[in-house]
Protein backbone atom coordinates (compact mmCIF):
# COMPACT_ATOMS: atom_id res chain seq x y z
CA LEU A 1 3.93 -25.83 -2.76
CA ALA A 2 4.83 -28.07 -5.27
CA GLY A 3 8.25 -27.88 -4.42
CA PHE A 4 9.71 -24.91 -4.86
CA THR A 5 11.31 -22.84 -2.44
CA HIS A 6 10.06 -18.88 -2.47
CA VAL A 7 13.04 -16.54 -2.89
CA ALA A 8 11.07 -13.59 -3.40
CA LEU A 9 7.52 -12.33 -3.70
CA VAL A 10 6.53 -8.62 -4.68
CA GLU A 11 3.41 -7.22 -3.79
CA TYR A 12 1.80 -3.22 -3.54
CA GLU A 13 -0.56 -3.34 -0.93
CA GLU A 14 0.92 -3.01 3.15
CA ASP A 15 -2.38 -4.50 4.06
CA TYR A 16 -1.64 -8.14 2.00
CA CYS A 17 2.10 -7.85 2.69
CA LYS A 18 1.46 -8.32 6.34
CA VAL A 19 -1.41 -11.09 6.04
CA LEU A 20 1.53 -12.50 3.88
CA LYS A 21 4.05 -12.04 6.37
CA LEU A 22 1.84 -13.37 9.39
CA ASN A 23 0.71 -16.34 7.00
CA ARG A 24 3.88 -17.51 5.40
CA PRO A 25 7.06 -15.69 7.57
CA GLU A 26 9.45 -17.73 6.15
CA TRP A 27 8.71 -16.52 2.41
CA ASN A 28 10.97 -13.24 1.79
CA VAL A 29 7.77 -10.75 1.54
CA ILE A 30 9.02 -7.94 -0.32
CA CYS A 31 7.06 -4.52 0.26
CA GLU A 32 6.94 -2.75 -2.31
CA ASP A 33 5.84 -1.19 -6.22
CA VAL A 34 7.03 -3.81 -8.84
CA HIS A 35 7.83 -0.67 -11.28
CA ASP A 36 10.45 -0.47 -8.25
CA PHE A 37 11.96 -3.41 -7.77
CA ASN A 38 15.36 -5.44 -9.14
CA GLY A 39 15.01 -8.74 -10.48
CA LYS A 40 18.59 -9.27 -11.24
CA PRO A 41 19.50 -10.22 -8.03
CA TYR A 42 17.20 -13.38 -9.22
CA ARG A 43 18.76 -14.39 -12.00
CA GLY A 44 18.18 -18.02 -13.22
CA VAL A 45 16.07 -18.96 -10.81
CA ASP A 46 13.78 -22.30 -11.08
CA LEU A 47 10.34 -20.01 -12.07
CA LEU A 48 9.03 -16.69 -12.27
CA ALA A 49 5.43 -16.72 -11.29
CA GLY A 50 3.24 -13.46 -11.46
CA GLY A 51 -0.42 -12.09 -12.01
CA VAL A 52 -0.96 -8.68 -13.64
CA PRO A 53 -4.18 -6.97 -12.87
CA CYS A 54 -6.65 -7.64 -15.73
CA PRO A 55 -8.83 -4.85 -16.37
CA PRO A 56 -6.55 -2.93 -18.87
CA PHE A 57 -7.83 -6.61 -21.28
CA SER A 58 -10.42 -7.97 -19.52
CA ILE A 59 -13.76 -8.09 -21.81
CA ALA A 60 -15.65 -6.39 -18.41
CA GLY A 61 -13.54 -3.80 -18.04
CA LYS A 62 -12.45 -0.95 -20.20
CA GLN A 63 -10.00 -2.96 -22.20
CA LEU A 64 -7.97 0.18 -22.57
CA GLY A 65 -4.83 -1.57 -22.65
CA LYS A 66 -1.46 0.03 -23.00
CA ASP A 67 -3.23 3.08 -21.69
CA ASP A 68 -4.34 2.16 -18.04
CA GLU A 69 -1.97 3.04 -15.94
CA ARG A 70 -2.80 -0.97 -13.94
CA ASP A 71 -0.79 -2.81 -17.25
CA LEU A 72 1.71 -4.61 -15.58
CA PHE A 73 2.84 -6.47 -18.72
CA PRO A 74 5.42 -4.16 -18.73
CA GLU A 75 6.54 -4.50 -15.85
CA ALA A 76 6.05 -8.53 -16.28
CA ILE A 77 8.05 -8.17 -19.43
CA ARG A 78 10.96 -6.12 -17.61
CA LEU A 79 11.61 -8.55 -14.73
CA ILE A 80 11.48 -11.64 -17.32
CA LYS A 81 14.42 -10.11 -19.11
CA GLU A 82 16.46 -9.19 -16.02
CA ILE A 83 15.78 -12.60 -14.37
CA LYS A 84 16.28 -15.30 -16.93
CA PRO A 85 14.02 -17.94 -14.85
CA ARG A 86 13.51 -21.00 -16.47
CA ALA A 87 10.18 -21.42 -16.49
CA VAL A 88 7.48 -17.85 -16.62
CA MET A 89 3.60 -18.73 -15.20
CA LEU A 90 2.13 -15.93 -16.01
CA GLU A 91 -1.84 -14.92 -15.06
CA ASN A 92 -4.07 -15.02 -18.01
CA VAL A 93 -6.83 -13.01 -18.93
CA ASN A 94 -9.55 -14.30 -21.61
CA MET A 95 -10.00 -11.49 -24.44
CA SER A 96 -12.80 -11.06 -26.82
CA LYS A 97 -12.29 -10.64 -31.13
CA SER A 98 -12.92 -6.75 -30.41
CA SER A 99 -10.29 -6.28 -27.86
CA GLN A 100 -7.74 -4.17 -28.58
CA CYS A 101 -5.41 -6.63 -27.44
CA LYS A 102 -3.51 -9.42 -29.76
CA PRO A 103 -1.56 -12.34 -28.04
CA LYS A 104 0.64 -13.39 -30.42
CA SER A 105 2.86 -15.42 -27.85
CA LEU A 106 3.90 -16.29 -23.47
CA THR A 107 6.58 -13.74 -23.88
CA THR A 108 5.42 -11.37 -26.05
CA CYS A 109 1.93 -11.12 -25.11
CA SER A 110 1.71 -8.01 -27.50
CA CYS A 111 -0.94 -5.15 -27.94
CA THR A 112 -1.53 -2.71 -30.26
CA ASN A 113 1.07 -0.03 -30.11
CA PHE A 114 2.87 -2.12 -27.08
CA LYS A 115 6.01 -2.44 -27.94
CA THR A 116 8.58 -5.05 -24.82
CA SER A 117 11.85 -3.86 -26.59
């Protein structure tokens, strides 16, 4: 695991949590909605890594961006602000030039009419 020790893993789907707990019993698997997750107890960890659902921005999807209920970029930004990790690694999706999302940087991933503060 590249020298990292997992201190928390947040997953929404109960069945996925069961599989994670079965395969990695030493991990702190927190089975809850990321919207309800408080990152403050994990402030200052070395790495915050995650993947957000891609359909809101993917060229294969409807590209609803911030209007898609699956858009978790605001939650990722909230957790980055709460946790203040030394490094952040977020999964990214390819976006077309016609997409309404115009990424500006990894930490803002701003979309049209989307504010991170």
